[in-house]
Amino acid sequence: MNRKAILCVLYATLLIIPAPILGRVVAKKKEEKRYAAVYPIAAYAGMTVSLPVFLALVAAYGAWTVARYHIRSRSRSSSHNSHNCANNRGWCRPNCFRREYHDWYHSDTCGSYKCCRYR
């Protein structure tokens, strides 16, 4: 073999060999980064957490452990619809307070809730 062929084989070998080693290092860094924001599960016992934290806990500890510690995800549906109605003069609620009245004209923006405005 001539010198040029030997150098080509040497450089090709140097380019191919580190690929599996670098792949393991990158995968390890990603795994460490993914679980970095999750505290020990006892810190979340009995709490209601946001959806990304809940999914991270399930991925880190498993669904059975999360259920055993009574950790719940924040529910999307709540007892009130937290947006305003009547041009920012009322709020969408299931029932109006005593000091409020049900505005029938603007209730269509609240869906199944009532547009409650102050008297």
PDB file of N, CA and C in Angstrom:
ATOM      1  N   MET A   1       0.841  -1.191   0.000  1.00  0.00           N
ATOM      2  CA  MET A   1       0.000   0.000   0.000  1.00  0.00           C
ATOM      3  C   MET A   1       0.881   1.247   0.000  1.00  0.00           C
ATOM      4  N   ASN A   2       0.384   2.213  -0.661  1.00  0.00           N
ATOM      5  CA  ASN A   2       1.158   3.450  -0.653  1.00  0.00           C
ATOM      6  C   ASN A   2       0.747   4.311   0.541  1.00  0.00           C
ATOM      7  N   ARG A   3       1.441   5.359   0.746  1.00  0.00           N
ATOM      8  CA  ARG A   3       1.259   6.207   1.929  1.00  0.00           C
ATOM      9  C   ARG A   3      -0.130   6.857   1.922  1.00  0.00           C
ATOM     10  N   LYS A   4      -0.631   7.261   0.779  1.00  0.00           N
ATOM     11  CA  LYS A   4      -1.928   7.916   0.675  1.00  0.00           C
ATOM     12  C   LYS A   4      -3.054   6.966   1.091  1.00  0.00           C
ATOM     13  N   ALA A   5      -3.006   5.730   0.701  1.00  0.00           N
ATOM     14  CA  ALA A   5      -4.019   4.748   1.054  1.00  0.00           C
ATOM     15  C   ALA A   5      -4.011   4.463   2.553  1.00  0.00           C
ATOM     16  N   ILE A   6      -2.806   4.386   3.130  1.00  0.00           N
ATOM     17  CA  ILE A   6      -2.695   4.145   4.571  1.00  0.00           C
ATOM     18  C   ILE A   6      -3.307   5.299   5.356  1.00  0.00           C
ATOM     19  N   LEU A   7      -3.030   6.507   4.936  1.00  0.00           N
ATOM     20  CA  LEU A   7      -3.602   7.669   5.628  1.00  0.00           C
ATOM     21  C   LEU A   7      -5.124   7.710   5.473  1.00  0.00           C
ATOM     22  N   CYS A   8      -5.643   7.350   4.323  1.00  0.00           N
ATOM     23  CA  CYS A   8      -7.096   7.313   4.124  1.00  0.00           C
ATOM     24  C   CYS A   8      -7.758   6.294   5.058  1.00  0.00           C
ATOM     25  N   VAL A   9      -7.162   5.114   5.172  1.00  0.00           N
ATOM     26  CA  VAL A   9      -7.697   4.084   6.066  1.00  0.00           C
ATOM     27  C   VAL A   9      -7.604   4.547   7.516  1.00  0.00           C
ATOM     28  N   LEU A  10      -6.508   5.172   7.894  1.00  0.00           N
ATOM     29  CA  LEU A  10      -6.335   5.666   9.261  1.00  0.00           C
ATOM     30  C   LEU A  10      -7.375   6.726   9.596  1.00  0.00           C
ATOM     31  N   TYR A  11      -7.570   7.701   8.728  1.00  0.00           N
ATOM     32  CA  TYR A  11      -8.535   8.764   8.991  1.00  0.00           C
ATOM     33  C   TYR A  11      -9.969   8.246   8.985  1.00  0.00           C
ATOM     34  N   ALA A  12     -10.292   7.324   8.112  1.00  0.00           N
ATOM     35  CA  ALA A  12     -11.632   6.735   8.103  1.00  0.00           C
ATOM     36  C   ALA A  12     -11.899   5.975   9.401  1.00  0.00           C
ATOM     37  N   THR A  13     -10.877   5.257   9.887  1.00  0.00           N
ATOM     38  CA  THR A  13     -11.017   4.538  11.159  1.00  0.00           C
ATOM     39  C   THR A  13     -11.226   5.510  12.312  1.00  0.00           C
ATOM     40  N   LEU A  14     -10.477   6.599  12.317  1.00  0.00           N
ATOM     41  CA  LEU A  14     -10.614   7.593  13.382  1.00  0.00           C
ATOM     42  C   LEU A  14     -11.980   8.288  13.336  1.00  0.00           C
ATOM     43  N   LEU A  15     -12.556   8.394  12.168  1.00  0.00           N
ATOM     44  CA  LEU A  15     -13.881   8.996  12.058  1.00  0.00           C
ATOM     45  C   LEU A  15     -14.996   8.046  12.491  1.00  0.00           C
ATOM     46  N   ILE A  16     -14.830   6.738  12.253  1.00  0.00           N
ATOM     47  CA  ILE A  16     -15.894   5.774  12.523  1.00  0.00           C
ATOM     48  C   ILE A  16     -15.884   5.286  13.966  1.00  0.00           C
ATOM     49  N   ILE A  17     -14.746   5.092  14.565  1.00  0.00           N
ATOM     50  CA  ILE A  17     -14.654   4.489  15.898  1.00  0.00           C
ATOM     51  C   ILE A  17     -15.354   5.320  16.989  1.00  0.00           C
ATOM     52  N   PRO A  18     -15.225   6.634  17.082  1.00  0.00           N
ATOM     53  CA  PRO A  18     -15.828   7.373  18.201  1.00  0.00           C
ATOM     54  C   PRO A  18     -17.354   7.477  18.153  1.00  0.00           C
ATOM     55  N   ALA A  19     -18.002   7.129  17.067  1.00  0.00           N
ATOM     56  CA  ALA A  19     -19.450   7.306  16.951  1.00  0.00           C
ATOM     57  C   ALA A  19     -20.240   6.578  18.046  1.00  0.00           C
ATOM     58  N   PRO A  20     -20.001   5.289  18.320  1.00  0.00           N
ATOM     59  CA  PRO A  20     -20.760   4.639  19.399  1.00  0.00           C
ATOM     60  C   PRO A  20     -20.445   5.220  20.769  1.00  0.00           C
ATOM     61  N   ILE A  21     -19.214   5.633  20.977  1.00  0.00           N
ATOM     62  CA  ILE A  21     -18.834   6.210  22.270  1.00  0.00           C
ATOM     63  C   ILE A  21     -19.539   7.545  22.473  1.00  0.00           C
ATOM     64  N   LEU A  22     -19.550   8.381  21.458  1.00  0.00           N
ATOM     65  CA  LEU A  22     -20.230   9.662  21.559  1.00  0.00           C
ATOM     66  C   LEU A  22     -21.735   9.486  21.709  1.00  0.00           C
ATOM     67  N   GLY A  23     -22.300   8.484  21.064  1.00  0.00           N
ATOM     68  CA  GLY A  23     -23.730   8.216  21.198  1.00  0.00           C
ATOM     69  C   GLY A  23     -24.111   7.882  22.626  1.00  0.00           C
ATOM     70  N   ARG A  24     -23.297   7.094  23.312  1.00  0.00           N
ATOM     71  CA  ARG A  24     -23.570   6.760  24.719  1.00  0.00           C
ATOM     72  C   ARG A  24     -23.464   7.995  25.602  1.00  0.00           C
ATOM     73  N   VAL A  25     -22.482   8.840  25.356  1.00  0.00           N
ATOM     74  CA  VAL A  25     -22.295  10.046  26.164  1.00  0.00           C
ATOM     75  C   VAL A  25     -23.469  11.002  25.985  1.00  0.00           C
ATOM     76  N   VAL A  26     -23.924  11.200  24.765  1.00  0.00           N
ATOM     77  CA  VAL A  26     -25.045  12.095  24.501  1.00  0.00           C
ATOM     78  C   VAL A  26     -26.322  11.558  25.126  1.00  0.00           C
ATOM     79  N   ALA A  27     -26.559  10.258  25.038  1.00  0.00           N
ATOM     80  CA  ALA A  27     -27.755   9.659  25.639  1.00  0.00           C
ATOM     81  C   ALA A  27     -27.735   9.806  27.154  1.00  0.00           C
ATOM     82  N   LYS A  28     -26.577   9.651  27.760  1.00  0.00           N
ATOM     83  CA  LYS A  28     -26.462   9.787  29.208  1.00  0.00           C
ATOM     84  C   LYS A  28     -26.739  11.224  29.640  1.00  0.00           C
ATOM     85  N   LYS A  29     -26.239  12.200  28.887  1.00  0.00           N
ATOM     86  CA  LYS A  29     -26.481  13.601  29.220  1.00  0.00           C
ATOM     87  C   LYS A  29     -27.954  13.944  29.096  1.00  0.00           C
ATOM     88  N   LYS A  30     -28.630  13.435  28.073  1.00  0.00           N
ATOM     89  CA  LYS A  30     -30.060  13.698  27.907  1.00  0.00           C
ATOM     90  C   LYS A  30     -30.854  13.102  29.058  1.00  0.00           C
ATOM     91  N   GLU A  31     -30.494  11.916  29.487  1.00  0.00           N
ATOM     92  CA  GLU A  31     -31.202  11.271  30.594  1.00  0.00           C
ATOM     93  C   GLU A  31     -31.012  12.059  31.882  1.00  0.00           C
ATOM     94  N   GLU A  32     -29.813  12.539  32.141  1.00  0.00           N
ATOM     95  CA  GLU A  32     -29.569  13.331  33.341  1.00  0.00           C
ATOM     96  C   GLU A  32     -30.339  14.641  33.281  1.00  0.00           C
ATOM     97  N   LYS A  33     -30.403  15.252  32.128  1.00  0.00           N
ATOM     98  CA  LYS A  33     -31.089  16.516  31.979  1.00  0.00           C
ATOM     99  C   LYS A  33     -32.595  16.358  32.152  1.00  0.00           C
ATOM    100  N   ARG A  34     -33.154  15.249  31.697  1.00  0.00           N
ATOM    101  CA  ARG A  34     -34.590  15.049  31.759  1.00  0.00           C
ATOM    102  C   ARG A  34     -35.085  14.937  33.201  1.00  0.00           C
ATOM    103  N   TYR A  35     -34.346  14.293  34.070  1.00  0.00           N
ATOM    104  CA  TYR A  35     -34.777  14.090  35.442  1.00  0.00           C
ATOM    105  C   TYR A  35     -34.210  15.126  36.398  1.00  0.00           C
ATOM    106  N   ALA A  36     -33.576  16.153  35.902  1.00  0.00           N
ATOM    107  CA  ALA A  36     -32.939  17.126  36.787  1.00  0.00           C
ATOM    108  C   ALA A  36     -33.957  17.966  37.537  1.00  0.00           C
ATOM    109  N   ALA A  37     -35.128  18.243  36.946  1.00  0.00           N
ATOM    110  CA  ALA A  37     -36.094  19.138  37.565  1.00  0.00           C
ATOM    111  C   ALA A  37     -37.069  18.427  38.500  1.00  0.00           C
ATOM    112  N   VAL A  38     -36.992  17.129  38.637  1.00  0.00           N
ATOM    113  CA  VAL A  38     -37.931  16.384  39.470  1.00  0.00           C
ATOM    114  C   VAL A  38     -37.324  16.184  40.850  1.00  0.00           C
ATOM    115  N   TYR A  39     -38.024  16.694  41.873  1.00  0.00           N
ATOM    116  CA  TYR A  39     -37.588  16.510  43.256  1.00  0.00           C
ATOM    117  C   TYR A  39     -37.886  15.079  43.700  1.00  0.00           C
ATOM    118  N   PRO A  40     -37.390  14.670  44.862  1.00  0.00           N
ATOM    119  CA  PRO A  40     -37.781  13.356  45.389  1.00  0.00           C
ATOM    120  C   PRO A  40     -39.299  13.289  45.535  1.00  0.00           C
ATOM    121  N   ILE A  41     -39.846  12.131  45.310  1.00  0.00           N
ATOM    122  CA  ILE A  41     -41.304  12.001  45.218  1.00  0.00           C
ATOM    123  C   ILE A  41     -42.002  12.325  46.537  1.00  0.00           C
ATOM    124  N   ALA A  42     -41.336  12.186  47.654  1.00  0.00           N
ATOM    125  CA  ALA A  42     -41.964  12.509  48.932  1.00  0.00           C
ATOM    126  C   ALA A  42     -42.299  13.993  49.044  1.00  0.00           C
ATOM    127  N   ALA A  43     -41.598  14.844  48.308  1.00  0.00           N
ATOM    128  CA  ALA A  43     -41.882  16.277  48.337  1.00  0.00           C
ATOM    129  C   ALA A  43     -43.226  16.599  47.695  1.00  0.00           C
ATOM    130  N   TYR A  44     -43.724  15.735  46.820  1.00  0.00           N
ATOM    131  CA  TYR A  44     -44.985  15.964  46.127  1.00  0.00           C
ATOM    132  C   TYR A  44     -46.145  15.195  46.747  1.00  0.00           C
ATOM    133  N   ALA A  45     -45.958  14.559  47.862  1.00  0.00           N
ATOM    134  CA  ALA A  45     -46.993  13.705  48.453  1.00  0.00           C
ATOM    135  C   ALA A  45     -48.255  14.503  48.761  1.00  0.00           C
ATOM    136  N   GLY A  46     -49.388  14.036  48.225  1.00  0.00           N
ATOM    137  CA  GLY A  46     -50.678  14.661  48.475  1.00  0.00           C
ATOM    138  C   GLY A  46     -50.920  15.949  47.725  1.00  0.00           C
ATOM    139  N   MET A  47     -50.060  16.310  46.794  1.00  0.00           N
ATOM    140  CA  MET A  47     -50.186  17.583  46.093  1.00  0.00           C
ATOM    141  C   MET A  47     -50.882  17.416  44.749  1.00  0.00           C
ATOM    142  N   THR A  48     -51.370  18.525  44.245  1.00  0.00           N
ATOM    143  CA  THR A  48     -51.860  18.606  42.879  1.00  0.00           C
ATOM    144  C   THR A  48     -50.838  19.413  42.096  1.00  0.00           C
ATOM    145  N   VAL A  49     -50.293  18.821  41.047  1.00  0.00           N
ATOM    146  CA  VAL A  49     -49.206  19.451  40.302  1.00  0.00           C
ATOM    147  C   VAL A  49     -49.643  19.715  38.867  1.00  0.00           C
ATOM    148  N   SER A  50     -48.872  20.523  38.160  1.00  0.00           N
ATOM    149  CA  SER A  50     -49.183  20.816  36.767  1.00  0.00           C
ATOM    150  C   SER A  50     -48.931  19.581  35.909  1.00  0.00           C
ATOM    151  N   LEU A  51     -49.462  19.608  34.707  1.00  0.00           N
ATOM    152  CA  LEU A  51     -49.372  18.452  33.823  1.00  0.00           C
ATOM    153  C   LEU A  51     -47.934  18.079  33.451  1.00  0.00           C
ATOM    154  N   PRO A  52     -47.037  19.027  33.110  1.00  0.00           N
ATOM    155  CA  PRO A  52     -45.664  18.620  32.794  1.00  0.00           C
ATOM    156  C   PRO A  52     -44.931  17.983  33.975  1.00  0.00           C
ATOM    157  N   VAL A  53     -45.155  18.498  35.187  1.00  0.00           N
ATOM    158  CA  VAL A  53     -44.526  17.909  36.371  1.00  0.00           C
ATOM    159  C   VAL A  53     -45.099  16.523  36.632  1.00  0.00           C
ATOM    160  N   PHE A  54     -46.411  16.371  36.446  1.00  0.00           N
ATOM    161  CA  PHE A  54     -47.048  15.076  36.647  1.00  0.00           C
ATOM    162  C   PHE A  54     -46.488  14.036  35.679  1.00  0.00           C
ATOM    163  N   LEU A  55     -46.343  14.408  34.419  1.00  0.00           N
ATOM    164  CA  LEU A  55     -45.800  13.473  33.429  1.00  0.00           C
ATOM    165  C   LEU A  55     -44.338  13.145  33.719  1.00  0.00           C
ATOM    166  N   ALA A  56     -43.579  14.121  34.207  1.00  0.00           N
ATOM    167  CA  ALA A  56     -42.185  13.854  34.567  1.00  0.00           C
ATOM    168  C   ALA A  56     -42.100  12.905  35.756  1.00  0.00           C
ATOM    169  N   LEU A  57     -43.001  13.050  36.723  1.00  0.00           N
ATOM    170  CA  LEU A  57     -43.021  12.137  37.870  1.00  0.00           C
ATOM    171  C   LEU A  57     -43.400  10.723  37.446  1.00  0.00           C
ATOM    172  N   VAL A  58     -44.367  10.607  36.556  1.00  0.00           N
ATOM    173  CA  VAL A  58     -44.753   9.277  36.074  1.00  0.00           C
ATOM    174  C   VAL A  58     -43.612   8.637  35.301  1.00  0.00           C
ATOM    175  N   ALA A  59     -42.901   9.432  34.507  1.00  0.00           N
ATOM    176  CA  ALA A  59     -41.771   8.892  33.745  1.00  0.00           C
ATOM    177  C   ALA A  59     -40.623   8.500  34.663  1.00  0.00           C
ATOM    178  N   ALA A  60     -40.413   9.254  35.739  1.00  0.00           N
ATOM    179  CA  ALA A  60     -39.282   8.985  36.624  1.00  0.00           C
ATOM    180  C   ALA A  60     -39.573   7.862  37.614  1.00  0.00           C
ATOM    181  N   TYR A  61     -40.776   7.857  38.206  1.00  0.00           N
ATOM    182  CA  TYR A  61     -41.065   6.918  39.292  1.00  0.00           C
ATOM    183  C   TYR A  61     -42.083   5.843  38.935  1.00  0.00           C
ATOM    184  N   GLY A  62     -42.871   6.056  37.899  1.00  0.00           N
ATOM    185  CA  GLY A  62     -43.886   5.080  37.531  1.00  0.00           C
ATOM    186  C   GLY A  62     -45.259   5.500  38.042  1.00  0.00           C
ATOM    187  N   ALA A  63     -46.294   5.029  37.371  1.00  0.00           N
ATOM    188  CA  ALA A  63     -47.664   5.421  37.692  1.00  0.00           C
ATOM    189  C   ALA A  63     -48.104   4.897  39.054  1.00  0.00           C
ATOM    190  N   TRP A  64     -47.691   3.687  39.417  1.00  0.00           N
ATOM    191  CA  TRP A  64     -48.110   3.106  40.691  1.00  0.00           C
ATOM    192  C   TRP A  64     -47.566   3.904  41.867  1.00  0.00           C
ATOM    193  N   THR A  65     -46.327   4.318  41.809  1.00  0.00           N
ATOM    194  CA  THR A  65     -45.734   5.099  42.893  1.00  0.00           C
ATOM    195  C   THR A  65     -46.390   6.468  42.990  1.00  0.00           C
ATOM    196  N   VAL A  66     -46.667   7.095  41.864  1.00  0.00           N
ATOM    197  CA  VAL A  66     -47.334   8.400  41.880  1.00  0.00           C
ATOM    198  C   VAL A  66     -48.727   8.269  42.472  1.00  0.00           C
ATOM    199  N   ALA A  67     -49.453   7.225  42.143  1.00  0.00           N
ATOM    200  CA  ALA A  67     -50.784   7.005  42.712  1.00  0.00           C
ATOM    201  C   ALA A  67     -50.701   6.683  44.202  1.00  0.00           C
ATOM    202  N   ARG A  68     -49.688   5.962  44.618  1.00  0.00           N
ATOM    203  CA  ARG A  68     -49.529   5.609  46.027  1.00  0.00           C
ATOM    204  C   ARG A  68     -49.283   6.837  46.896  1.00  0.00           C
ATOM    205  N   TYR A  69     -48.591   7.833  46.353  1.00  0.00           N
ATOM    206  CA  TYR A  69     -48.346   9.068  47.096  1.00  0.00           C
ATOM    207  C   TYR A  69     -49.476  10.092  46.921  1.00  0.00           C
ATOM    208  N   HIS A  70     -50.563   9.728  46.265  1.00  0.00           N
ATOM    209  CA  HIS A  70     -51.744  10.574  46.072  1.00  0.00           C
ATOM    210  C   HIS A  70     -51.396  11.883  45.379  1.00  0.00           C
ATOM    211  N   ILE A  71     -50.600  11.800  44.334  1.00  0.00           N
ATOM    212  CA  ILE A  71     -50.246  12.976  43.543  1.00  0.00           C
ATOM    213  C   ILE A  71     -51.206  13.039  42.364  1.00  0.00           C
ATOM    214  N   ARG A  72     -51.835  14.194  42.197  1.00  0.00           N
ATOM    215  CA  ARG A  72     -52.828  14.352  41.140  1.00  0.00           C
ATOM    216  C   ARG A  72     -52.390  15.428  40.161  1.00  0.00           C
ATOM    217  N   SER A  73     -52.879  15.293  38.957  1.00  0.00           N
ATOM    218  CA  SER A  73     -52.641  16.307  37.935  1.00  0.00           C
ATOM    219  C   SER A  73     -53.714  17.374  38.058  1.00  0.00           C
ATOM    220  N   ARG A  74     -53.350  18.588  37.728  1.00  0.00           N
ATOM    221  CA  ARG A  74     -54.307  19.683  37.784  1.00  0.00           C
ATOM    222  C   ARG A  74     -55.381  19.447  36.746  1.00  0.00           C
ATOM    223  N   SER A  75     -56.608  19.493  37.159  1.00  0.00           N
ATOM    224  CA  SER A  75     -57.728  19.234  36.266  1.00  0.00           C
ATOM    225  C   SER A  75     -57.950  20.426  35.345  1.00  0.00           C
ATOM    226  N   ARG A  76     -58.241  20.134  34.096  1.00  0.00           N
ATOM    227  CA  ARG A  76     -58.517  21.204  33.138  1.00  0.00           C
ATOM    228  C   ARG A  76     -59.881  21.846  33.410  1.00  0.00           C
ATOM    229  N   SER A  77     -60.837  21.059  33.857  1.00  0.00           N
ATOM    230  CA  SER A  77     -62.151  21.623  34.133  1.00  0.00           C
ATOM    231  C   SER A  77     -62.209  22.043  35.590  1.00  0.00           C
ATOM    232  N   SER A  78     -62.735  23.195  35.830  1.00  0.00           N
ATOM    233  CA  SER A  78     -62.834  23.700  37.194  1.00  0.00           C
ATOM    234  C   SER A  78     -64.256  24.175  37.442  1.00  0.00           C
ATOM    235  N   SER A  79     -64.520  24.682  38.644  1.00  0.00           N
ATOM    236  CA  SER A  79     -65.875  25.090  38.989  1.00  0.00           C
ATOM    237  C   SER A  79     -66.220  26.455  38.408  1.00  0.00           C
ATOM    238  N   HIS A  80     -65.300  27.131  37.775  1.00  0.00           N
ATOM    239  CA  HIS A  80     -65.601  28.407  37.136  1.00  0.00           C
ATOM    240  C   HIS A  80     -64.820  28.542  35.842  1.00  0.00           C
ATOM    241  N   ASN A  81     -65.372  29.322  34.980  1.00  0.00           N
ATOM    242  CA  ASN A  81     -64.730  29.584  33.712  1.00  0.00           C
ATOM    243  C   ASN A  81     -64.044  30.935  33.863  1.00  0.00           C
ATOM    244  N   SER A  82     -62.739  30.946  33.951  1.00  0.00           N
ATOM    245  CA  SER A  82     -62.065  32.171  34.359  1.00  0.00           C
ATOM    246  C   SER A  82     -61.757  33.072  33.173  1.00  0.00           C
ATOM    247  N   HIS A  83     -62.779  33.557  32.559  1.00  0.00           N
ATOM    248  CA  HIS A  83     -62.591  34.632  31.596  1.00  0.00           C
ATOM    249  C   HIS A  83     -63.726  35.624  31.757  1.00  0.00           C
ATOM    250  N   ASN A  84     -63.498  36.810  31.276  1.00  0.00           N
ATOM    251  CA  ASN A  84     -64.488  37.861  31.488  1.00  0.00           C
ATOM    252  C   ASN A  84     -65.543  37.840  30.392  1.00  0.00           C
ATOM    253  N   CYS A  85     -66.612  38.538  30.671  1.00  0.00           N
ATOM    254  CA  CYS A  85     -67.692  38.676  29.704  1.00  0.00           C
ATOM    255  C   CYS A  85     -68.207  40.106  29.794  1.00  0.00           C
ATOM    256  N   ALA A  86     -69.133  40.460  28.945  1.00  0.00           N
ATOM    257  CA  ALA A  86     -69.753  41.790  28.940  1.00  0.00           C
ATOM    258  C   ALA A  86     -68.704  42.886  28.841  1.00  0.00           C
ATOM    259  N   ASN A  87     -67.792  42.742  27.894  1.00  0.00           N
ATOM    260  CA  ASN A  87     -66.753  43.757  27.659  1.00  0.00           C
ATOM    261  C   ASN A  87     -65.954  44.077  28.921  1.00  0.00           C
ATOM    262  N   ASN A  88     -65.497  43.030  29.596  1.00  0.00           N
ATOM    263  CA  ASN A  88     -64.655  43.140  30.784  1.00  0.00           C
ATOM    264  C   ASN A  88     -65.381  43.755  31.981  1.00  0.00           C
ATOM    265  N   ARG A  89     -66.706  43.615  32.024  1.00  0.00           N
ATOM    266  CA  ARG A  89     -67.463  44.116  33.168  1.00  0.00           C
ATOM    267  C   ARG A  89     -68.091  42.995  33.990  1.00  0.00           C
ATOM    268  N   GLY A  90     -67.889  41.743  33.584  1.00  0.00           N
ATOM    269  CA  GLY A  90     -68.453  40.616  34.312  1.00  0.00           C
ATOM    270  C   GLY A  90     -67.560  39.393  34.195  1.00  0.00           C
ATOM    271  N   TRP A  91     -67.903  38.337  34.962  1.00  0.00           N
ATOM    272  CA  TRP A  91     -67.126  37.101  34.984  1.00  0.00           C
ATOM    273  C   TRP A  91     -68.040  35.908  34.781  1.00  0.00           C
ATOM    274  N   CYS A  92     -67.532  34.889  34.108  1.00  0.00           N
ATOM    275  CA  CYS A  92     -68.294  33.665  33.866  1.00  0.00           C
ATOM    276  C   CYS A  92     -68.188  32.753  35.084  1.00  0.00           C
ATOM    277  N   ARG A  93     -69.342  32.427  35.676  1.00  0.00           N
ATOM    278  CA  ARG A  93     -69.387  31.570  36.856  1.00  0.00           C
ATOM    279  C   ARG A  93     -70.589  30.638  36.760  1.00  0.00           C
ATOM    280  N   PRO A  94     -70.555  29.509  37.513  1.00  0.00           N
ATOM    281  CA  PRO A  94     -71.738  28.635  37.499  1.00  0.00           C
ATOM    282  C   PRO A  94     -72.936  29.288  38.184  1.00  0.00           C
ATOM    283  N   ASN A  95     -72.698  30.041  39.262  1.00  0.00           N
ATOM    284  CA  ASN A  95     -73.760  30.765  39.967  1.00  0.00           C
ATOM    285  C   ASN A  95     -73.236  32.145  40.333  1.00  0.00           C
ATOM    286  N   CYS A  96     -74.101  33.121  40.272  1.00  0.00           N
ATOM    287  CA  CYS A  96     -73.697  34.487  40.613  1.00  0.00           C
ATOM    288  C   CYS A  96     -73.747  34.700  42.117  1.00  0.00           C
ATOM    289  N   PHE A  97     -72.890  35.597  42.607  1.00  0.00           N
ATOM    290  CA  PHE A  97     -72.928  35.978  44.019  1.00  0.00           C
ATOM    291  C   PHE A  97     -74.138  36.873  44.264  1.00  0.00           C
ATOM    292  N   ARG A  98     -74.429  37.161  45.565  1.00  0.00           N
ATOM    293  CA  ARG A  98     -75.592  37.979  45.904  1.00  0.00           C
ATOM    294  C   ARG A  98     -75.481  39.396  45.345  1.00  0.00           C
ATOM    295  N   ARG A  99     -74.284  39.924  45.326  1.00  0.00           N
ATOM    296  CA  ARG A  99     -74.096  41.300  44.866  1.00  0.00           C
ATOM    297  C   ARG A  99     -74.044  41.402  43.333  1.00  0.00           C
ATOM    298  N   GLU A 100     -74.263  40.276  42.641  1.00  0.00           N
ATOM    299  CA  GLU A 100     -74.194  40.241  41.189  1.00  0.00           C
ATOM    300  C   GLU A 100     -75.540  39.820  40.603  1.00  0.00           C
ATOM    301  N   TYR A 101     -75.703  40.099  39.346  1.00  0.00           N
ATOM    302  CA  TYR A 101     -76.900  39.631  38.649  1.00  0.00           C
ATOM    303  C   TYR A 101     -76.477  38.896  37.378  1.00  0.00           C
ATOM    304  N   HIS A 102     -77.343  38.053  36.915  1.00  0.00           N
ATOM    305  CA  HIS A 102     -77.079  37.245  35.725  1.00  0.00           C
ATOM    306  C   HIS A 102     -77.429  38.079  34.493  1.00  0.00           C
ATOM    307  N   ASP A 103     -76.436  38.381  33.698  1.00  0.00           N
ATOM    308  CA  ASP A 103     -76.629  39.156  32.473  1.00  0.00           C
ATOM    309  C   ASP A 103     -76.943  38.181  31.339  1.00  0.00           C
ATOM    310  N   TRP A 104     -78.220  38.134  30.960  1.00  0.00           N
ATOM    311  CA  TRP A 104     -78.657  37.188  29.939  1.00  0.00           C
ATOM    312  C   TRP A 104     -78.107  37.536  28.559  1.00  0.00           C
ATOM    313  N   TYR A 105     -77.925  38.812  28.291  1.00  0.00           N
ATOM    314  CA  TYR A 105     -77.506  39.252  26.964  1.00  0.00           C
ATOM    315  C   TYR A 105     -76.081  38.800  26.635  1.00  0.00           C
ATOM    316  N   HIS A 106     -75.170  38.817  27.616  1.00  0.00           N
ATOM    317  CA  HIS A 106     -73.769  38.476  27.374  1.00  0.00           C
ATOM    318  C   HIS A 106     -73.407  37.047  27.790  1.00  0.00           C
ATOM    319  N   SER A 107     -74.364  36.234  28.177  1.00  0.00           N
ATOM    320  CA  SER A 107     -74.059  34.883  28.657  1.00  0.00           C
ATOM    321  C   SER A 107     -73.632  33.924  27.552  1.00  0.00           C
ATOM    322  N   ASP A 108     -73.839  34.270  26.302  1.00  0.00           N
ATOM    323  CA  ASP A 108     -73.456  33.358  25.224  1.00  0.00           C
ATOM    324  C   ASP A 108     -71.946  33.189  25.122  1.00  0.00           C
ATOM    325  N   THR A 109     -71.168  34.142  25.626  1.00  0.00           N
ATOM    326  CA  THR A 109     -69.702  34.000  25.601  1.00  0.00           C
ATOM    327  C   THR A 109     -69.208  33.073  26.697  1.00  0.00           C
ATOM    328  N   CYS A 110     -70.051  32.732  27.662  1.00  0.00           N
ATOM    329  CA  CYS A 110     -69.642  31.896  28.796  1.00  0.00           C
ATOM    330  C   CYS A 110     -69.955  30.417  28.604  1.00  0.00           C
ATOM    331  N   GLY A 111     -70.607  30.067  27.538  1.00  0.00           N
ATOM    332  CA  GLY A 111     -70.926  28.663  27.329  1.00  0.00           C
ATOM    333  C   GLY A 111     -72.000  28.193  28.286  1.00  0.00           C
ATOM    334  N   SER A 112     -71.708  27.180  29.104  1.00  0.00           N
ATOM    335  CA  SER A 112     -72.697  26.652  30.040  1.00  0.00           C
ATOM    336  C   SER A 112     -72.739  27.443  31.344  1.00  0.00           C
ATOM    337  N   TYR A 113     -71.877  28.443  31.504  1.00  0.00           N
ATOM    338  CA  TYR A 113     -71.860  29.273  32.715  1.00  0.00           C
ATOM    339  C   TYR A 113     -72.679  30.532  32.511  1.00  0.00           C
ATOM    340  N   LYS A 114     -72.822  31.311  33.573  1.00  0.00           N
ATOM    341  CA  LYS A 114     -73.585  32.553  33.538  1.00  0.00           C
ATOM    342  C   LYS A 114     -72.630  33.733  33.541  1.00  0.00           C
ATOM    343  N   CYS A 115     -73.001  34.777  32.852  1.00  0.00           N
ATOM    344  CA  CYS A 115     -72.235  36.027  32.895  1.00  0.00           C
ATOM    345  C   CYS A 115     -72.729  36.809  34.101  1.00  0.00           C
ATOM    346  N   CYS A 116     -71.898  36.921  35.128  1.00  0.00           N
ATOM    347  CA  CYS A 116     -72.284  37.583  36.367  1.00  0.00           C
ATOM    348  C   CYS A 116     -71.661  38.979  36.405  1.00  0.00           C
ATOM    349  N   ARG A 117     -72.535  39.993  36.568  1.00  0.00           N
ATOM    350  CA  ARG A 117     -72.070  41.379  36.615  1.00  0.00           C
ATOM    351  C   ARG A 117     -72.469  42.005  37.926  1.00  0.00           C
ATOM    352  N   TYR A 118     -71.678  42.974  38.375  1.00  0.00           N
ATOM    353  CA  TYR A 118     -71.994  43.682  39.617  1.00  0.00           C
ATOM    354  C   TYR A 118     -73.189  44.609  39.413  1.00  0.00           C
ATOM    355  N   ARG A 119     -73.970  44.783  40.467  1.00  0.00           N
ATOM    356  CA  ARG A 119     -75.175  45.646  40.395  1.00  0.00           C
ATOM    357  C   ARG A 119     -74.820  47.091  40.380  1.00  0.00           C
TER     358      ARG A 119
END
